[in-house]
Structure formats: structure tokens, C-alpha cells
Amino acid sequence: MANVADLKTKTDDELSTELNNLKREQFNLRFQAATNQLEKPSRVREVRRSIAQIMTLQGERARAAK
């Protein structure tokens, strides 16, 4: 899971790239869960929270830019 302080130092492009990677991983984890091949169930929660942190940070930056 990414640290919030680390996320705040990243640029908007880096955050978008990280968000896309996490969403792709989330899709793969859901697929593994559906086929009972999930090795680490806690990773689903970590990815979901990381996605939320990035989206929150992007929203804060968008509001600050206005």
C-alpha cells in the first residue's frame, strides 16, 4: 500500500498512471477471487484503499486548482 506522504509528492501524471495500474490489479484480483485462485485476500482491501487515496488526492488537487 502506498504511503499518503509518498502519493502527495507525485505529479498528476504519475498518480494517473498509478491509478490505472491499481485498477488493472483490482480487476485481476476480482477475477482470481471468482475462480477461487486468490492467494492473498487482504490484497483486495489494500488495492481498494490505495485507489480511494489516489482519487481523494486528485479531487483535492482539482478543488485547489479552481
PDB file of N, CA and C in Angstrom:
ATOM      1  N   MET A   1       0.839  -1.167   0.000  1.00  0.00           N
ATOM      2  CA  MET A   1       0.000   0.000   0.000  1.00  0.00           C
ATOM      3  C   MET A   1       0.888   1.235   0.000  1.00  0.00           C
ATOM      4  N   ALA A   2       0.503   2.199  -0.775  1.00  0.00           N
ATOM      5  CA  ALA A   2       1.290   3.418  -0.896  1.00  0.00           C
ATOM      6  C   ALA A   2       1.056   4.320   0.316  1.00  0.00           C
ATOM      7  N   ASN A   3       2.100   4.970   0.734  1.00  0.00           N
ATOM      8  CA  ASN A   3       2.020   5.909   1.835  1.00  0.00           C
ATOM      9  C   ASN A   3       1.440   7.218   1.307  1.00  0.00           C
ATOM     10  N   VAL A   4       0.600   7.875   2.087  1.00  0.00           N
ATOM     11  CA  VAL A   4      -0.042   9.112   1.653  1.00  0.00           C
ATOM     12  C   VAL A   4       1.000  10.194   1.388  1.00  0.00           C
ATOM     13  N   ALA A   5       2.041  10.248   2.206  1.00  0.00           N
ATOM     14  CA  ALA A   5       3.094  11.247   2.009  1.00  0.00           C
ATOM     15  C   ALA A   5       3.803  11.012   0.677  1.00  0.00           C
ATOM     16  N   ASP A   6       4.002   9.748   0.309  1.00  0.00           N
ATOM     17  CA  ASP A   6       4.620   9.438  -0.977  1.00  0.00           C
ATOM     18  C   ASP A   6       3.714   9.844  -2.126  1.00  0.00           C
ATOM     19  N   LEU A   7       2.425   9.632  -1.957  1.00  0.00           N
ATOM     20  CA  LEU A   7       1.480   9.988  -3.021  1.00  0.00           C
ATOM     21  C   LEU A   7       1.427  11.497  -3.234  1.00  0.00           C
ATOM     22  N   LYS A   8       1.539  12.254  -2.160  1.00  0.00           N
ATOM     23  CA  LYS A   8       1.456  13.713  -2.281  1.00  0.00           C
ATOM     24  C   LYS A   8       2.640  14.296  -3.041  1.00  0.00           C
ATOM     25  N   THR A   9       3.767  13.584  -3.066  1.00  0.00           N
ATOM     26  CA  THR A   9       4.940  14.099  -3.768  1.00  0.00           C
ATOM     27  C   THR A   9       4.893  13.776  -5.261  1.00  0.00           C
ATOM     28  N   LYS A  10       3.985  12.901  -5.671  1.00  0.00           N
ATOM     29  CA  LYS A  10       3.910  12.519  -7.080  1.00  0.00           C
ATOM     30  C   LYS A  10       3.137  13.559  -7.885  1.00  0.00           C
ATOM     31  N   THR A  11       3.454  13.629  -9.171  1.00  0.00           N
ATOM     32  CA  THR A  11       2.755  14.548 -10.060  1.00  0.00           C
ATOM     33  C   THR A  11       1.408  13.953 -10.450  1.00  0.00           C
ATOM     34  N   ASP A  12       0.588  14.768 -11.104  1.00  0.00           N
ATOM     35  CA  ASP A  12      -0.731  14.306 -11.529  1.00  0.00           C
ATOM     36  C   ASP A  12      -0.630  13.148 -12.518  1.00  0.00           C
ATOM     37  N   ASP A  13       0.337  13.217 -13.418  1.00  0.00           N
ATOM     38  CA  ASP A  13       0.517  12.134 -14.395  1.00  0.00           C
ATOM     39  C   ASP A  13       0.934  10.834 -13.715  1.00  0.00           C
ATOM     40  N   GLU A  14       1.820  10.942 -12.743  1.00  0.00           N
ATOM     41  CA  GLU A  14       2.248   9.750 -12.016  1.00  0.00           C
ATOM     42  C   GLU A  14       1.096   9.140 -11.232  1.00  0.00           C
ATOM     43  N   LEU A  15       0.246   9.994 -10.660  1.00  0.00           N
ATOM     44  CA  LEU A  15      -0.916   9.493  -9.927  1.00  0.00           C
ATOM     45  C   LEU A  15      -1.893   8.793 -10.863  1.00  0.00           C
ATOM     46  N   SER A  16      -2.089   9.352 -12.045  1.00  0.00           N
ATOM     47  CA  SER A  16      -2.989   8.733 -13.018  1.00  0.00           C
ATOM     48  C   SER A  16      -2.466   7.373 -13.449  1.00  0.00           C
ATOM     49  N   THR A  17      -1.172   7.285 -13.665  1.00  0.00           N
ATOM     50  CA  THR A  17      -0.558   6.008 -14.048  1.00  0.00           C
ATOM     51  C   THR A  17      -0.709   4.986 -12.926  1.00  0.00           C
ATOM     52  N   GLU A  18      -0.452   5.415 -11.704  1.00  0.00           N
ATOM     53  CA  GLU A  18      -0.586   4.534 -10.546  1.00  0.00           C
ATOM     54  C   GLU A  18      -2.038   4.069 -10.388  1.00  0.00           C
ATOM     55  N   LEU A  19      -2.971   4.986 -10.611  1.00  0.00           N
ATOM     56  CA  LEU A  19      -4.387   4.645 -10.503  1.00  0.00           C
ATOM     57  C   LEU A  19      -4.776   3.603 -11.551  1.00  0.00           C
ATOM     58  N   ASN A  20      -4.311   3.776 -12.770  1.00  0.00           N
ATOM     59  CA  ASN A  20      -4.603   2.801 -13.823  1.00  0.00           C
ATOM     60  C   ASN A  20      -4.025   1.429 -13.482  1.00  0.00           C
ATOM     61  N   ASN A  21      -2.806   1.407 -12.965  1.00  0.00           N
ATOM     62  CA  ASN A  21      -2.183   0.131 -12.577  1.00  0.00           C
ATOM     63  C   ASN A  21      -2.965  -0.555 -11.464  1.00  0.00           C
ATOM     64  N   LEU A  22      -3.410   0.230 -10.488  1.00  0.00           N
ATOM     65  CA  LEU A  22      -4.164  -0.343  -9.379  1.00  0.00           C
ATOM     66  C   LEU A  22      -5.527  -0.860  -9.824  1.00  0.00           C
ATOM     67  N   LYS A  23      -6.167  -0.145 -10.731  1.00  0.00           N
ATOM     68  CA  LYS A  23      -7.468  -0.608 -11.236  1.00  0.00           C
ATOM     69  C   LYS A  23      -7.311  -1.895 -12.031  1.00  0.00           C
ATOM     70  N   ARG A  24      -6.228  -2.000 -12.779  1.00  0.00           N
ATOM     71  CA  ARG A  24      -5.954  -3.236 -13.524  1.00  0.00           C
ATOM     72  C   ARG A  24      -5.708  -4.390 -12.555  1.00  0.00           C
ATOM     73  N   GLU A  25      -4.944  -4.111 -11.483  1.00  0.00           N
ATOM     74  CA  GLU A  25      -4.689  -5.133 -10.483  1.00  0.00           C
ATOM     75  C   GLU A  25      -5.982  -5.528  -9.767  1.00  0.00           C
ATOM     76  N   GLN A  26      -6.834  -4.548  -9.497  1.00  0.00           N
ATOM     77  CA  GLN A  26      -8.110  -4.831  -8.843  1.00  0.00           C
ATOM     78  C   GLN A  26      -8.968  -5.749  -9.718  1.00  0.00           C
ATOM     79  N   PHE A  27      -8.977  -5.505 -11.011  1.00  0.00           N
ATOM     80  CA  PHE A  27      -9.718  -6.366 -11.931  1.00  0.00           C
ATOM     81  C   PHE A  27      -9.174  -7.792 -11.872  1.00  0.00           C
ATOM     82  N   ASN A  28      -7.853  -7.924 -11.917  1.00  0.00           N
ATOM     83  CA  ASN A  28      -7.244  -9.250 -11.866  1.00  0.00           C
ATOM     84  C   ASN A  28      -7.539  -9.960 -10.545  1.00  0.00           C
ATOM     85  N   LEU A  29      -7.532  -9.217  -9.450  1.00  0.00           N
ATOM     86  CA  LEU A  29      -7.844  -9.813  -8.157  1.00  0.00           C
ATOM     87  C   LEU A  29      -9.288 -10.275  -8.086  1.00  0.00           C
ATOM     88  N   ARG A  30     -10.197  -9.481  -8.659  1.00  0.00           N
ATOM     89  CA  ARG A  30     -11.596  -9.906  -8.685  1.00  0.00           C
ATOM     90  C   ARG A  30     -11.758 -11.171  -9.510  1.00  0.00           C
ATOM     91  N   PHE A  31     -11.051 -11.248 -10.610  1.00  0.00           N
ATOM     92  CA  PHE A  31     -11.110 -12.436 -11.466  1.00  0.00           C
ATOM     93  C   PHE A  31     -10.566 -13.651 -10.712  1.00  0.00           C
ATOM     94  N   GLN A  32      -9.459 -13.483 -10.003  1.00  0.00           N
ATOM     95  CA  GLN A  32      -8.885 -14.581  -9.222  1.00  0.00           C
ATOM     96  C   GLN A  32      -9.837 -15.010  -8.102  1.00  0.00           C
ATOM     97  N   ALA A  33     -10.494 -14.052  -7.484  1.00  0.00           N
ATOM     98  CA  ALA A  33     -11.430 -14.380  -6.410  1.00  0.00           C
ATOM     99  C   ALA A  33     -12.609 -15.176  -6.953  1.00  0.00           C
ATOM    100  N   ALA A  34     -13.067 -14.830  -8.142  1.00  0.00           N
ATOM    101  CA  ALA A  34     -14.204 -15.521  -8.738  1.00  0.00           C
ATOM    102  C   ALA A  34     -13.857 -16.960  -9.099  1.00  0.00           C
ATOM    103  N   THR A  35     -12.596 -17.207  -9.414  1.00  0.00           N
ATOM    104  CA  THR A  35     -12.174 -18.559  -9.803  1.00  0.00           C
ATOM    105  C   THR A  35     -11.487 -19.297  -8.654  1.00  0.00           C
ATOM    106  N   ASN A  36     -11.596 -18.748  -7.444  1.00  0.00           N
ATOM    107  CA  ASN A  36     -11.004 -19.346  -6.239  1.00  0.00           C
ATOM    108  C   ASN A  36      -9.501 -19.566  -6.357  1.00  0.00           C
ATOM    109  N   GLN A  37      -8.796 -18.638  -6.982  1.00  0.00           N
ATOM    110  CA  GLN A  37      -7.344 -18.720  -7.114  1.00  0.00           C
ATOM    111  C   GLN A  37      -6.634 -17.597  -6.367  1.00  0.00           C
ATOM    112  N   LEU A  38      -7.358 -16.912  -5.519  1.00  0.00           N
ATOM    113  CA  LEU A  38      -6.803 -15.763  -4.805  1.00  0.00           C
ATOM    114  C   LEU A  38      -5.866 -16.238  -3.706  1.00  0.00           C
ATOM    115  N   GLU A  39      -4.594 -15.819  -3.780  1.00  0.00           N
ATOM    116  CA  GLU A  39      -3.595 -16.258  -2.804  1.00  0.00           C
ATOM    117  C   GLU A  39      -3.590 -15.388  -1.556  1.00  0.00           C
ATOM    118  N   LYS A  40      -3.800 -14.092  -1.728  1.00  0.00           N
ATOM    119  CA  LYS A  40      -3.721 -13.165  -0.597  1.00  0.00           C
ATOM    120  C   LYS A  40      -4.980 -12.283  -0.585  1.00  0.00           C
ATOM    121  N   PRO A  41      -6.026 -12.708   0.102  1.00  0.00           N
ATOM    122  CA  PRO A  41      -7.280 -11.955   0.103  1.00  0.00           C
ATOM    123  C   PRO A  41      -7.145 -10.540   0.657  1.00  0.00           C
ATOM    124  N   SER A  42      -6.193 -10.309   1.533  1.00  0.00           N
ATOM    125  CA  SER A  42      -6.034  -8.973   2.102  1.00  0.00           C
ATOM    126  C   SER A  42      -5.576  -7.955   1.065  1.00  0.00           C
ATOM    127  N   ARG A  43      -4.994  -8.425  -0.026  1.00  0.00           N
ATOM    128  CA  ARG A  43      -4.518  -7.517  -1.076  1.00  0.00           C
ATOM    129  C   ARG A  43      -5.682  -6.773  -1.728  1.00  0.00           C
ATOM    130  N   VAL A  44      -6.864  -7.403  -1.774  1.00  0.00           N
ATOM    131  CA  VAL A  44      -8.048  -6.760  -2.349  1.00  0.00           C
ATOM    132  C   VAL A  44      -8.358  -5.477  -1.587  1.00  0.00           C
ATOM    133  N   ARG A  45      -8.309  -5.567  -0.269  1.00  0.00           N
ATOM    134  CA  ARG A  45      -8.591  -4.405   0.574  1.00  0.00           C
ATOM    135  C   ARG A  45      -7.521  -3.330   0.405  1.00  0.00           C
ATOM    136  N   GLU A  46      -6.264  -3.731   0.354  1.00  0.00           N
ATOM    137  CA  GLU A  46      -5.169  -2.775   0.189  1.00  0.00           C
ATOM    138  C   GLU A  46      -5.295  -2.006  -1.122  1.00  0.00           C
ATOM    139  N   VAL A  47      -5.597  -2.723  -2.195  1.00  0.00           N
ATOM    140  CA  VAL A  47      -5.721  -2.082  -3.504  1.00  0.00           C
ATOM    141  C   VAL A  47      -6.895  -1.117  -3.511  1.00  0.00           C
ATOM    142  N   ARG A  48      -8.024  -1.546  -2.937  1.00  0.00           N
ATOM    143  CA  ARG A  48      -9.209  -0.693  -2.902  1.00  0.00           C
ATOM    144  C   ARG A  48      -8.930   0.597  -2.140  1.00  0.00           C
ATOM    145  N   ARG A  49      -8.232   0.488  -1.026  1.00  0.00           N
ATOM    146  CA  ARG A  49      -7.918   1.677  -0.231  1.00  0.00           C
ATOM    147  C   ARG A  49      -6.915   2.581  -0.935  1.00  0.00           C
ATOM    148  N   SER A  50      -5.955   2.002  -1.624  1.00  0.00           N
ATOM    149  CA  SER A  50      -4.983   2.802  -2.370  1.00  0.00           C
ATOM    150  C   SER A  50      -5.669   3.579  -3.484  1.00  0.00           C
ATOM    151  N   ILE A  51      -6.605   2.933  -4.160  1.00  0.00           N
ATOM    152  CA  ILE A  51      -7.374   3.608  -5.208  1.00  0.00           C
ATOM    153  C   ILE A  51      -8.135   4.787  -4.610  1.00  0.00           C
ATOM    154  N   ALA A  52      -8.762   4.577  -3.461  1.00  0.00           N
ATOM    155  CA  ALA A  52      -9.513   5.651  -2.803  1.00  0.00           C
ATOM    156  C   ALA A  52      -8.601   6.802  -2.395  1.00  0.00           C
ATOM    157  N   GLN A  53      -7.407   6.492  -1.903  1.00  0.00           N
ATOM    158  CA  GLN A  53      -6.470   7.542  -1.502  1.00  0.00           C
ATOM    159  C   GLN A  53      -6.049   8.384  -2.698  1.00  0.00           C
ATOM    160  N   ILE A  54      -5.765   7.733  -3.810  1.00  0.00           N
ATOM    161  CA  ILE A  54      -5.337   8.464  -5.005  1.00  0.00           C
ATOM    162  C   ILE A  54      -6.474   9.327  -5.530  1.00  0.00           C
ATOM    163  N   MET A  55      -7.676   8.760  -5.579  1.00  0.00           N
ATOM    164  CA  MET A  55      -8.813   9.529  -6.083  1.00  0.00           C
ATOM    165  C   MET A  55      -9.129  10.714  -5.175  1.00  0.00           C
ATOM    166  N   THR A  56      -8.977  10.544  -3.862  1.00  0.00           N
ATOM    167  CA  THR A  56      -9.184  11.645  -2.918  1.00  0.00           C
ATOM    168  C   THR A  56      -8.155  12.741  -3.146  1.00  0.00           C
ATOM    169  N   LEU A  57      -6.912  12.356  -3.319  1.00  0.00           N
ATOM    170  CA  LEU A  57      -5.843  13.329  -3.555  1.00  0.00           C
ATOM    171  C   LEU A  57      -6.067  14.073  -4.867  1.00  0.00           C
ATOM    172  N   GLN A  58      -6.489  13.377  -5.900  1.00  0.00           N
ATOM    173  CA  GLN A  58      -6.777  14.028  -7.177  1.00  0.00           C
ATOM    174  C   GLN A  58      -7.936  15.012  -7.038  1.00  0.00           C
ATOM    175  N   GLY A  59      -8.951  14.647  -6.263  1.00  0.00           N
ATOM    176  CA  GLY A  59     -10.073  15.551  -6.030  1.00  0.00           C
ATOM    177  C   GLY A  59      -9.660  16.795  -5.270  1.00  0.00           C
ATOM    178  N   GLU A  60      -8.805  16.618  -4.272  1.00  0.00           N
ATOM    179  CA  GLU A  60      -8.306  17.759  -3.507  1.00  0.00           C
ATOM    180  C   GLU A  60      -7.522  18.709  -4.400  1.00  0.00           C
ATOM    181  N   ARG A  61      -6.694  18.134  -5.259  1.00  0.00           N
ATOM    182  CA  ARG A  61      -5.904  18.977  -6.164  1.00  0.00           C
ATOM    183  C   ARG A  61      -6.797  19.703  -7.161  1.00  0.00           C
ATOM    184  N   ALA A  62      -7.838  19.043  -7.633  1.00  0.00           N
ATOM    185  CA  ALA A  62      -8.743  19.678  -8.590  1.00  0.00           C
ATOM    186  C   ALA A  62      -9.490  20.833  -7.928  1.00  0.00           C
ATOM    187  N   ARG A  63      -9.927  20.643  -6.688  1.00  0.00           N
ATOM    188  CA  ARG A  63     -10.627  21.711  -5.980  1.00  0.00           C
ATOM    189  C   ARG A  63      -9.687  22.867  -5.666  1.00  0.00           C
ATOM    190  N   ALA A  64      -8.440  22.562  -5.360  1.00  0.00           N
ATOM    191  CA  ALA A  64      -7.465  23.609  -5.045  1.00  0.00           C
ATOM    192  C   ALA A  64      -7.104  24.419  -6.300  1.00  0.00           C
ATOM    193  N   ALA A  65      -7.202  23.788  -7.459  1.00  0.00           N
ATOM    194  CA  ALA A  65      -6.850  24.470  -8.703  1.00  0.00           C
ATOM    195  C   ALA A  65      -7.923  25.470  -9.124  1.00  0.00           C
ATOM    196  N   LYS A  66      -9.120  25.309  -8.615  1.00  0.00           N
ATOM    197  CA  LYS A  66     -10.220  26.217  -9.001  1.00  0.00           C
ATOM    198  C   LYS A  66     -10.130  27.554  -8.313  1.00  0.00           C
TER     199      LYS A  66
END
